[in-house]
Amino acid sequence: MNTFLVTAAAGDTGSPTVKFLLEKGHKVRALVRREDERAAKLRASGAEVVVADMLQLRQMRQALEGVTAAYFCYPLAEGLVEATAIFAQAAKEAKIKLVVNMSQKQSRPDATSPQTLKHWIAEQVLDWSGIPTAHLRVTLFADWLLYSAHLIRGGRYVTPFDPDSRFAPIAAADIARVVASMLIEPGKHVGKIYSLHGPVEYSHAEIAQVLADTLGKDIQFEHVSVDEFLTQLGIPENDFLRLHFLAIKQDQRERLLEGLDEVGIEIIGQPLTTLPQFIEQHYDLLAS
């Protein structure tokens, strides 16, 4: 039986990736950073849970031992390039068949966002290593709406991005379906770079209207500074995120997040979640 390693297994894409792989009858090793309720839930679902630091080579060697293929997803934090190099070394020693690497749509060598630039460097590290790799360059998640659910419940769609900036939000669960499908059939995806978008492109002003129409309540678009946005999310004085969001704002002004594709549909063989469907799935959280 194949064993798949899912890093960031308690996160937005990791947790459903574990779920979908288990549903297909595969053995899953779920890597988490700490023991908590999310780790306990993963264990109860049938996954083998390992607690490991992705910046420790010995721990990553142990996590990758006996693994067929792996999903590499590093959190929005410092340490991405070092973690990638460590993961690449451990994966090479384990002779795994595929690494599915979570990257960003706007990944490029001249990125202004430090984290986006590091995603591009991380892609190069994996490619240099010679490990069979596929890169997922993903647009902004629809799930970001959930982080501002308390504001949406109050009738406000608050964002630091310009009202006419456009992107096609994608649900984390759909990304997970793509990842799981790629891990199960690694040979189809080695060496690929996929840009992954949601099914419909919107401006931020249009997203506010979709929220209003779907929730059946008045939702006002509200443009704020990045600092104010982070404060309202409850994470003020975070220089790392501040620089990242400022860069994404500029990326959107340069239209780097615009676009649509059929990649997700082709890989998973079913339609992707629309924004109204996503909002309906989380109605209680967003409307109450």
C-alpha atoms as a PDB file:
ATOM      1  CA  MET A   1       0.000   0.000   0.000  1.00  0.00           C
ATOM      2  CA  ASN A   2       1.224   3.491  -0.855  1.00  0.00           C
ATOM      3  CA  THR A   3       1.998   5.891   1.979  1.00  0.00           C
ATOM      4  CA  PHE A   4       1.570   9.602   1.354  1.00  0.00           C
ATOM      5  CA  LEU A   5       3.068  12.355   3.501  1.00  0.00           C
ATOM      6  CA  VAL A   6       0.978  15.488   3.891  1.00  0.00           C
ATOM      7  CA  THR A   7       2.754  18.431   5.512  1.00  0.00           C
ATOM      8  CA  ALA A   8       0.803  21.281   7.105  1.00  0.00           C
ATOM      9  CA  ALA A   9      -1.766  18.555   7.681  1.00  0.00           C
ATOM     10  CA  ALA A  10      -3.808  20.635  10.115  1.00  0.00           C
ATOM     11  CA  GLY A  11      -4.051  23.535   7.658  1.00  0.00           C
ATOM     12  CA  ASP A  12      -6.590  24.711   5.102  1.00  0.00           C
ATOM     13  CA  THR A  13      -5.326  22.485   2.280  1.00  0.00           C
ATOM     14  CA  GLY A  14      -3.522  19.809   4.278  1.00  0.00           C
ATOM     15  CA  SER A  15      -6.482  18.633   6.331  1.00  0.00           C
ATOM     16  CA  PRO A  16      -8.806  17.982   3.363  1.00  0.00           C
ATOM     17  CA  THR A  17      -5.923  16.386   1.433  1.00  0.00           C
ATOM     18  CA  VAL A  18      -5.594  13.863   4.258  1.00  0.00           C
ATOM     19  CA  LYS A  19      -9.357  13.304   4.164  1.00  0.00           C
ATOM     20  CA  PHE A  20      -9.520  12.696   0.411  1.00  0.00           C
ATOM     21  CA  LEU A  21      -6.547  10.304   0.431  1.00  0.00           C
ATOM     22  CA  LEU A  22      -8.016   8.292   3.294  1.00  0.00           C
ATOM     23  CA  GLU A  23     -11.360   8.112   1.487  1.00  0.00           C
ATOM     24  CA  LYS A  24      -9.521   6.549  -1.464  1.00  0.00           C
ATOM     25  CA  GLY A  25      -8.135   3.866   0.836  1.00  0.00           C
ATOM     26  CA  HIS A  26      -4.555   5.105   1.051  1.00  0.00           C
ATOM     27  CA  LYS A  27      -2.257   5.236   4.055  1.00  0.00           C
ATOM     28  CA  VAL A  28      -1.555   8.821   5.095  1.00  0.00           C
ATOM     29  CA  ARG A  29       1.166  10.217   7.312  1.00  0.00           C
ATOM     30  CA  ALA A  30       0.015  13.631   8.508  1.00  0.00           C
ATOM     31  CA  LEU A  31       2.753  16.014   9.621  1.00  0.00           C
ATOM     32  CA  VAL A  32       1.778  18.671  12.145  1.00  0.00           C
ATOM     33  CA  ARG A  33       3.753  21.186  14.169  1.00  0.00           C
ATOM     34  CA  ARG A  34       2.121  20.441  17.507  1.00  0.00           C
ATOM     35  CA  GLU A  35      -0.293  18.168  19.298  1.00  0.00           C
ATOM     36  CA  ASP A  36      -3.686  19.848  19.517  1.00  0.00           C
ATOM     37  CA  GLU A  37      -7.345  19.194  18.742  1.00  0.00           C
ATOM     38  CA  ARG A  38      -6.676  19.267  15.009  1.00  0.00           C
ATOM     39  CA  ALA A  39      -3.961  16.629  15.339  1.00  0.00           C
ATOM     40  CA  ALA A  40      -6.281  14.481  17.440  1.00  0.00           C
ATOM     41  CA  LYS A  41      -8.978  14.793  14.773  1.00  0.00           C
ATOM     42  CA  LEU A  42      -6.538  13.688  12.073  1.00  0.00           C
ATOM     43  CA  ARG A  43      -5.520  10.687  14.153  1.00  0.00           C
ATOM     44  CA  ALA A  44      -9.155   9.773  14.779  1.00  0.00           C
ATOM     45  CA  SER A  45      -9.803   9.889  11.023  1.00  0.00           C
ATOM     46  CA  GLY A  46      -7.245   7.130  10.476  1.00  0.00           C
ATOM     47  CA  ALA A  47      -4.102   9.082   9.614  1.00  0.00           C
ATOM     48  CA  GLU A  48      -0.711   8.384  11.152  1.00  0.00           C
ATOM     49  CA  VAL A  49       0.129  11.686  12.841  1.00  0.00           C
ATOM     50  CA  VAL A  50       3.734  12.801  13.276  1.00  0.00           C
ATOM     51  CA  VAL A  51       4.797  15.959  15.077  1.00  0.00           C
ATOM     52  CA  ALA A  52       7.861  17.415  13.398  1.00  0.00           C
ATOM     53  CA  ASP A  53       9.776  20.617  12.797  1.00  0.00           C
ATOM     54  CA  MET A  54      10.243  21.145   9.056  1.00  0.00           C
ATOM     55  CA  LEU A  55      13.530  22.930   9.795  1.00  0.00           C
ATOM     56  CA  GLN A  56      15.064  19.803  11.359  1.00  0.00           C
ATOM     57  CA  LEU A  57      16.616  17.375   8.859  1.00  0.00           C
ATOM     58  CA  ARG A  58      16.594  14.387  11.197  1.00  0.00           C
ATOM     59  CA  GLN A  59      12.888  14.802  11.872  1.00  0.00           C
ATOM     60  CA  MET A  60      12.092  15.181   8.173  1.00  0.00           C
ATOM     61  CA  ARG A  61      14.091  12.069   7.336  1.00  0.00           C
ATOM     62  CA  GLN A  62      11.952  10.148   9.797  1.00  0.00           C
ATOM     63  CA  ALA A  63       8.751  11.683   8.434  1.00  0.00           C
ATOM     64  CA  LEU A  64       9.613  10.739   4.838  1.00  0.00           C
ATOM     65  CA  GLU A  65      10.838   7.210   5.533  1.00  0.00           C
ATOM     66  CA  GLY A  66       8.828   4.726   3.461  1.00  0.00           C
ATOM     67  CA  VAL A  67       6.776   7.448   1.767  1.00  0.00           C
ATOM     68  CA  THR A  68       5.633   7.069  -1.857  1.00  0.00           C
ATOM     69  CA  ALA A  69       4.830  10.731  -2.598  1.00  0.00           C
ATOM     70  CA  ALA A  70       4.458  13.915  -0.569  1.00  0.00           C
ATOM     71  CA  TYR A  71       2.655  17.245  -0.426  1.00  0.00           C
ATOM     72  CA  PHE A  72       4.991  20.054   0.614  1.00  0.00           C
ATOM     73  CA  CYS A  73       3.210  23.097   1.991  1.00  0.00           C
ATOM     74  CA  TYR A  74       5.045  25.579   4.194  1.00  0.00           C
ATOM     75  CA  PRO A  75       3.073  28.077   6.278  1.00  0.00           C
ATOM     76  CA  LEU A  76       3.051  31.817   5.593  1.00  0.00           C
ATOM     77  CA  ALA A  77       6.090  32.415   7.781  1.00  0.00           C
ATOM     78  CA  GLU A  78       9.869  32.763   7.711  1.00  0.00           C
ATOM     79  CA  GLY A  79      12.005  29.755   6.821  1.00  0.00           C
ATOM     80  CA  LEU A  80      10.542  28.598   3.498  1.00  0.00           C
ATOM     81  CA  VAL A  81      13.769  28.226   1.521  1.00  0.00           C
ATOM     82  CA  GLU A  82      15.636  26.456   4.326  1.00  0.00           C
ATOM     83  CA  ALA A  83      12.677  24.134   4.923  1.00  0.00           C
ATOM     84  CA  THR A  84      12.515  23.358   1.205  1.00  0.00           C
ATOM     85  CA  ALA A  85      16.210  22.452   1.060  1.00  0.00           C
ATOM     86  CA  ILE A  86      15.847  20.211   4.100  1.00  0.00           C
ATOM     87  CA  PHE A  87      12.737  18.578   2.666  1.00  0.00           C
ATOM     88  CA  ALA A  88      14.443  18.057  -0.695  1.00  0.00           C
ATOM     89  CA  GLN A  89      17.395  16.307   0.903  1.00  0.00           C
ATOM     90  CA  ALA A  90      15.203  14.019   2.985  1.00  0.00           C
ATOM     91  CA  ALA A  91      12.902  13.292   0.028  1.00  0.00           C
ATOM     92  CA  LYS A  92      15.862  12.472  -2.205  1.00  0.00           C
ATOM     93  CA  GLU A  93      17.181  10.010   0.355  1.00  0.00           C
ATOM     94  CA  ALA A  94      13.717   8.439   0.592  1.00  0.00           C
ATOM     95  CA  LYS A  95      13.519   8.128  -3.235  1.00  0.00           C
ATOM     96  CA  ILE A  96       9.927   9.334  -3.341  1.00  0.00           C
ATOM     97  CA  LYS A  97       8.039   9.378  -6.652  1.00  0.00           C
ATOM     98  CA  LEU A  98       6.609  12.899  -6.486  1.00  0.00           C
ATOM     99  CA  VAL A  99       6.649  16.076  -4.436  1.00  0.00           C
ATOM    100  CA  VAL A 100       3.624  18.304  -4.987  1.00  0.00           C
ATOM    101  CA  ASN A 101       4.877  21.755  -4.036  1.00  0.00           C
ATOM    102  CA  MET A 102       2.474  24.499  -2.962  1.00  0.00           C
ATOM    103  CA  SER A 103       3.615  27.766  -4.535  1.00  0.00           C
ATOM    104  CA  GLN A 104       1.966  31.052  -5.525  1.00  0.00           C
ATOM    105  CA  LYS A 105       0.455  32.127  -8.835  1.00  0.00           C
ATOM    106  CA  GLN A 106       2.659  35.204  -9.007  1.00  0.00           C
ATOM    107  CA  SER A 107       5.866  33.253  -8.266  1.00  0.00           C
ATOM    108  CA  ARG A 108       8.674  34.845 -10.291  1.00  0.00           C
ATOM    109  CA  PRO A 109      12.357  35.811  -9.966  1.00  0.00           C
ATOM    110  CA  ASP A 110      11.653  39.545  -9.603  1.00  0.00           C
ATOM    111  CA  ALA A 111       8.767  39.335  -7.109  1.00  0.00           C
ATOM    112  CA  THR A 112       8.447  42.278  -4.715  1.00  0.00           C
ATOM    113  CA  SER A 113       6.929  40.154  -1.944  1.00  0.00           C
ATOM    114  CA  PRO A 114       9.722  38.466   0.045  1.00  0.00           C
ATOM    115  CA  GLN A 115       7.545  35.381   0.514  1.00  0.00           C
ATOM    116  CA  THR A 116       6.594  35.188  -3.170  1.00  0.00           C
ATOM    117  CA  LEU A 117      10.253  35.481  -4.173  1.00  0.00           C
ATOM    118  CA  LYS A 118      11.108  32.731  -1.709  1.00  0.00           C
ATOM    119  CA  HIS A 119       8.419  30.545  -3.276  1.00  0.00           C
ATOM    120  CA  TRP A 120      10.175  30.982  -6.627  1.00  0.00           C
ATOM    121  CA  ILE A 121      13.550  30.147  -5.055  1.00  0.00           C
ATOM    122  CA  ALA A 122      11.985  27.115  -3.359  1.00  0.00           C
ATOM    123  CA  GLU A 123      10.763  25.911  -6.753  1.00  0.00           C
ATOM    124  CA  GLN A 124      14.333  26.162  -8.060  1.00  0.00           C
ATOM    125  CA  VAL A 125      15.711  24.242  -5.071  1.00  0.00           C
ATOM    126  CA  LEU A 126      13.323  21.351  -5.683  1.00  0.00           C
ATOM    127  CA  ASP A 127      14.119  21.354  -9.396  1.00  0.00           C
ATOM    128  CA  TRP A 128      17.888  21.421  -8.770  1.00  0.00           C
ATOM    129  CA  SER A 129      17.547  18.494  -6.361  1.00  0.00           C
ATOM    130  CA  GLY A 130      16.409  16.171  -9.129  1.00  0.00           C
ATOM    131  CA  ILE A 131      13.431  14.958  -7.109  1.00  0.00           C
ATOM    132  CA  PRO A 132      10.326  14.294  -9.228  1.00  0.00           C
ATOM    133  CA  THR A 133       8.371  17.486  -8.537  1.00  0.00           C
ATOM    134  CA  ALA A 134       5.239  19.311  -9.645  1.00  0.00           C
ATOM    135  CA  HIS A 135       4.607  22.929  -8.679  1.00  0.00           C
ATOM    136  CA  LEU A 136       1.144  24.278  -7.938  1.00  0.00           C
ATOM    137  CA  ARG A 137       1.052  28.037  -8.476  1.00  0.00           C
ATOM    138  CA  VAL A 138      -2.190  28.885  -6.743  1.00  0.00           C
ATOM    139  CA  THR A 139      -4.197  32.108  -6.702  1.00  0.00           C
ATOM    140  CA  LEU A 140      -5.797  33.606  -3.569  1.00  0.00           C
ATOM    141  CA  PHE A 141      -8.001  31.253  -1.559  1.00  0.00           C
ATOM    142  CA  ALA A 142     -11.736  31.761  -1.166  1.00  0.00           C
ATOM    143  CA  ASP A 143     -11.064  30.659   2.416  1.00  0.00           C
ATOM    144  CA  TRP A 144      -9.609  34.073   3.228  1.00  0.00           C
ATOM    145  CA  LEU A 145     -13.233  35.148   3.626  1.00  0.00           C
ATOM    146  CA  LEU A 146     -13.442  32.948   6.715  1.00  0.00           C
ATOM    147  CA  TYR A 147     -10.631  34.849   8.433  1.00  0.00           C
ATOM    148  CA  SER A 148     -12.736  37.999   8.201  1.00  0.00           C
ATOM    149  CA  ALA A 149     -16.033  36.241   8.983  1.00  0.00           C
ATOM    150  CA  HIS A 150     -16.623  38.445  12.032  1.00  0.00           C
ATOM    151  CA  LEU A 151     -16.489  41.510   9.773  1.00  0.00           C
ATOM    152  CA  ILE A 152     -18.750  39.966   7.136  1.00  0.00           C
ATOM    153  CA  ARG A 153     -21.293  39.073   9.814  1.00  0.00           C
ATOM    154  CA  GLY A 154     -21.302  42.770  10.637  1.00  0.00           C
ATOM    155  CA  GLY A 155     -22.096  43.672   7.021  1.00  0.00           C
ATOM    156  CA  ARG A 156     -18.573  44.628   5.931  1.00  0.00           C
ATOM    157  CA  TYR A 157     -16.283  43.133   3.288  1.00  0.00           C
ATOM    158  CA  VAL A 158     -13.006  44.664   4.433  1.00  0.00           C
ATOM    159  CA  THR A 159      -9.914  44.386   2.239  1.00  0.00           C
ATOM    160  CA  PRO A 160      -6.647  46.250   1.607  1.00  0.00           C
ATOM    161  CA  PHE A 161      -6.975  45.525  -2.113  1.00  0.00           C
ATOM    162  CA  ASP A 162      -8.387  47.904  -4.720  1.00  0.00           C
ATOM    163  CA  PRO A 163     -12.081  47.455  -5.578  1.00  0.00           C
ATOM    164  CA  ASP A 164     -11.379  46.748  -9.251  1.00  0.00           C
ATOM    165  CA  SER A 165      -8.480  44.292  -8.719  1.00  0.00           C
ATOM    166  CA  ARG A 166      -9.498  40.918 -10.124  1.00  0.00           C
ATOM    167  CA  PHE A 167      -8.777  37.270  -9.319  1.00  0.00           C
ATOM    168  CA  ALA A 168     -10.578  33.914  -9.393  1.00  0.00           C
ATOM    169  CA  PRO A 169     -10.816  32.696  -5.779  1.00  0.00           C
ATOM    170  CA  ILE A 170     -10.351  28.967  -5.278  1.00  0.00           C
ATOM    171  CA  ALA A 171     -11.577  26.872  -2.364  1.00  0.00           C
ATOM    172  CA  ALA A 172      -8.893  25.131  -0.306  1.00  0.00           C
ATOM    173  CA  ALA A 173     -10.897  21.908  -0.563  1.00  0.00           C
ATOM    174  CA  ASP A 174     -10.558  22.013  -4.351  1.00  0.00           C
ATOM    175  CA  ILE A 175      -6.809  22.536  -4.056  1.00  0.00           C
ATOM    176  CA  ALA A 176      -6.753  19.497  -1.779  1.00  0.00           C
ATOM    177  CA  ARG A 177      -8.620  17.424  -4.373  1.00  0.00           C
ATOM    178  CA  VAL A 178      -6.025  18.431  -6.956  1.00  0.00           C
ATOM    179  CA  VAL A 179      -3.143  17.562  -4.618  1.00  0.00           C
ATOM    180  CA  ALA A 180      -4.627  14.177  -3.688  1.00  0.00           C
ATOM    181  CA  SER A 181      -5.221  13.289  -7.338  1.00  0.00           C
ATOM    182  CA  MET A 182      -1.641  14.208  -8.229  1.00  0.00           C
ATOM    183  CA  LEU A 183      -0.182  12.144  -5.394  1.00  0.00           C
ATOM    184  CA  ILE A 184      -2.219   9.098  -6.390  1.00  0.00           C
ATOM    185  CA  GLU A 185      -1.030   9.283 -10.020  1.00  0.00           C
ATOM    186  CA  PRO A 186       2.457  10.792  -9.739  1.00  0.00           C
ATOM    187  CA  GLY A 187       3.690   9.827 -13.189  1.00  0.00           C
ATOM    188  CA  LYS A 188       1.224  12.162 -14.891  1.00  0.00           C
ATOM    189  CA  HIS A 189       2.503  15.260 -13.146  1.00  0.00           C
ATOM    190  CA  VAL A 190       6.295  15.033 -12.784  1.00  0.00           C
ATOM    191  CA  GLY A 191       7.935  18.201 -14.074  1.00  0.00           C
ATOM    192  CA  LYS A 192       4.678  20.116 -14.418  1.00  0.00           C
ATOM    193  CA  ILE A 193       4.009  23.693 -13.312  1.00  0.00           C
ATOM    194  CA  TYR A 194       0.289  24.276 -12.912  1.00  0.00           C
ATOM    195  CA  SER A 195      -1.365  27.663 -12.438  1.00  0.00           C
ATOM    196  CA  LEU A 196      -4.495  26.981 -10.432  1.00  0.00           C
ATOM    197  CA  HIS A 197      -7.495  29.331 -10.333  1.00  0.00           C
ATOM    198  CA  GLY A 198     -11.082  29.180  -9.203  1.00  0.00           C
ATOM    199  CA  PRO A 199     -13.919  28.885 -11.755  1.00  0.00           C
ATOM    200  CA  VAL A 200     -14.981  32.555 -11.946  1.00  0.00           C
ATOM    201  CA  GLU A 201     -13.000  35.793 -11.842  1.00  0.00           C
ATOM    202  CA  TYR A 202     -14.256  38.672  -9.677  1.00  0.00           C
ATOM    203  CA  SER A 203     -13.219  42.130  -8.609  1.00  0.00           C
ATOM    204  CA  HIS A 204     -13.226  42.784  -4.874  1.00  0.00           C
ATOM    205  CA  ALA A 205     -16.249  45.042  -5.288  1.00  0.00           C
ATOM    206  CA  GLU A 206     -18.039  42.173  -7.031  1.00  0.00           C
ATOM    207  CA  ILE A 207     -17.132  39.796  -4.206  1.00  0.00           C
ATOM    208  CA  ALA A 208     -18.894  42.117  -1.766  1.00  0.00           C
ATOM    209  CA  GLN A 209     -21.992  41.921  -3.959  1.00  0.00           C
ATOM    210  CA  VAL A 210     -21.801  38.113  -4.218  1.00  0.00           C
ATOM    211  CA  LEU A 211     -21.619  37.961  -0.421  1.00  0.00           C
ATOM    212  CA  ALA A 212     -24.676  40.202  -0.163  1.00  0.00           C
ATOM    213  CA  ASP A 213     -26.678  38.238  -2.731  1.00  0.00           C
ATOM    214  CA  THR A 214     -25.796  34.830  -1.282  1.00  0.00           C
ATOM    215  CA  LEU A 215     -26.211  35.743   2.378  1.00  0.00           C
ATOM    216  CA  GLY A 216     -29.333  37.813   1.739  1.00  0.00           C
ATOM    217  CA  LYS A 217     -28.058  40.831   3.640  1.00  0.00           C
ATOM    218  CA  ASP A 218     -26.405  44.153   2.962  1.00  0.00           C
ATOM    219  CA  ILE A 219     -22.612  43.853   2.656  1.00  0.00           C
ATOM    220  CA  GLN A 220     -20.595  47.015   2.116  1.00  0.00           C
ATOM    221  CA  PHE A 221     -17.233  47.012   0.370  1.00  0.00           C
ATOM    222  CA  GLU A 222     -14.692  48.724   2.624  1.00  0.00           C
ATOM    223  CA  HIS A 223     -11.180  49.549   1.475  1.00  0.00           C
ATOM    224  CA  VAL A 224      -8.613  49.975   4.266  1.00  0.00           C
ATOM    225  CA  SER A 225      -4.846  50.119   4.593  1.00  0.00           C
ATOM    226  CA  VAL A 226      -2.866  46.917   5.050  1.00  0.00           C
ATOM    227  CA  ASP A 227      -2.081  47.908   8.639  1.00  0.00           C
ATOM    228  CA  GLU A 228      -5.765  48.477   9.407  1.00  0.00           C
ATOM    229  CA  PHE A 229      -6.708  45.210   7.699  1.00  0.00           C
ATOM    230  CA  LEU A 230      -4.280  43.207   9.823  1.00  0.00           C
ATOM    231  CA  THR A 231      -5.488  44.995  12.945  1.00  0.00           C
ATOM    232  CA  GLN A 232      -9.098  44.111  12.144  1.00  0.00           C
ATOM    233  CA  LEU A 233      -8.066  40.481  11.597  1.00  0.00           C
ATOM    234  CA  GLY A 234      -6.494  40.502  15.042  1.00  0.00           C
ATOM    235  CA  ILE A 235      -2.875  40.201  13.862  1.00  0.00           C
ATOM    236  CA  PRO A 236      -1.427  43.734  14.132  1.00  0.00           C
ATOM    237  CA  GLU A 237       2.278  44.603  14.098  1.00  0.00           C
ATOM    238  CA  ASN A 238       3.236  41.656  11.903  1.00  0.00           C
ATOM    239  CA  ASP A 239       5.918  43.011   9.565  1.00  0.00           C
ATOM    240  CA  PHE A 240       6.131  39.772   7.592  1.00  0.00           C
ATOM    241  CA  LEU A 241       2.431  39.763   6.692  1.00  0.00           C
ATOM    242  CA  ARG A 242       2.411  43.538   6.208  1.00  0.00           C
ATOM    243  CA  LEU A 243       5.079  43.352   3.500  1.00  0.00           C
ATOM    244  CA  HIS A 244       3.396  40.327   1.939  1.00  0.00           C
ATOM    245  CA  PHE A 245      -0.016  41.999   1.647  1.00  0.00           C
ATOM    246  CA  LEU A 246       1.509  45.217   0.332  1.00  0.00           C
ATOM    247  CA  ALA A 247       3.206  43.203  -2.402  1.00  0.00           C
ATOM    248  CA  ILE A 248       0.009  41.306  -3.251  1.00  0.00           C
ATOM    249  CA  LYS A 249      -1.779  44.639  -3.536  1.00  0.00           C
ATOM    250  CA  GLN A 250       0.795  45.759  -6.090  1.00  0.00           C
ATOM    251  CA  ASP A 251       0.658  42.385  -7.856  1.00  0.00           C
ATOM    252  CA  GLN A 252      -3.082  42.820  -8.289  1.00  0.00           C
ATOM    253  CA  ARG A 253      -2.602  46.345  -9.639  1.00  0.00           C
ATOM    254  CA  GLU A 254      -0.247  44.809 -12.206  1.00  0.00           C
ATOM    255  CA  ARG A 255      -2.951  42.217 -12.994  1.00  0.00           C
ATOM    256  CA  LEU A 256      -0.707  39.305 -12.009  1.00  0.00           C
ATOM    257  CA  LEU A 257      -3.515  37.405 -10.278  1.00  0.00           C
ATOM    258  CA  GLU A 258      -5.995  37.662 -13.131  1.00  0.00           C
ATOM    259  CA  GLY A 259      -6.823  34.661 -15.283  1.00  0.00           C
ATOM    260  CA  LEU A 260      -8.740  31.409 -15.524  1.00  0.00           C
ATOM    261  CA  ASP A 261      -7.844  27.850 -16.476  1.00  0.00           C
ATOM    262  CA  GLU A 262      -9.241  24.318 -16.706  1.00  0.00           C
ATOM    263  CA  VAL A 263      -6.334  22.652 -14.883  1.00  0.00           C
ATOM    264  CA  GLY A 264      -8.200  21.855 -11.679  1.00  0.00           C
ATOM    265  CA  ILE A 265     -11.210  20.441 -13.509  1.00  0.00           C
ATOM    266  CA  GLU A 266      -8.984  18.312 -15.751  1.00  0.00           C
ATOM    267  CA  ILE A 267      -7.073  16.847 -12.802  1.00  0.00           C
ATOM    268  CA  ILE A 268      -9.997  16.098 -10.471  1.00  0.00           C
ATOM    269  CA  GLY A 269     -12.615  15.386 -13.124  1.00  0.00           C
ATOM    270  CA  GLN A 270     -15.335  17.542 -11.612  1.00  0.00           C
ATOM    271  CA  PRO A 271     -16.329  21.222 -11.451  1.00  0.00           C
ATOM    272  CA  LEU A 272     -14.622  23.495  -8.955  1.00  0.00           C
ATOM    273  CA  THR A 273     -16.532  25.158  -6.145  1.00  0.00           C
ATOM    274  CA  THR A 274     -18.048  28.494  -7.150  1.00  0.00           C
ATOM    275  CA  LEU A 275     -17.881  31.462  -4.803  1.00  0.00           C
ATOM    276  CA  PRO A 276     -21.654  31.372  -4.054  1.00  0.00           C
ATOM    277  CA  GLN A 277     -21.346  27.644  -3.280  1.00  0.00           C
ATOM    278  CA  PHE A 278     -18.413  28.308  -0.950  1.00  0.00           C
ATOM    279  CA  ILE A 279     -20.360  31.025   0.857  1.00  0.00           C
ATOM    280  CA  GLU A 280     -23.376  28.722   1.180  1.00  0.00           C
ATOM    281  CA  GLN A 281     -21.159  25.967   2.624  1.00  0.00           C
ATOM    282  CA  HIS A 282     -20.069  28.393   5.346  1.00  0.00           C
ATOM    283  CA  TYR A 283     -23.374  30.226   5.688  1.00  0.00           C
ATOM    284  CA  ASP A 284     -23.644  29.829   9.464  1.00  0.00           C
ATOM    285  CA  LEU A 285     -20.183  31.292  10.006  1.00  0.00           C
ATOM    286  CA  LEU A 286     -20.617  34.192   7.581  1.00  0.00           C
ATOM    287  CA  ALA A 287     -24.256  35.145   8.134  1.00  0.00           C
ATOM    288  CA  SER A 288     -25.020  34.652  11.818  1.00  0.00           C
END
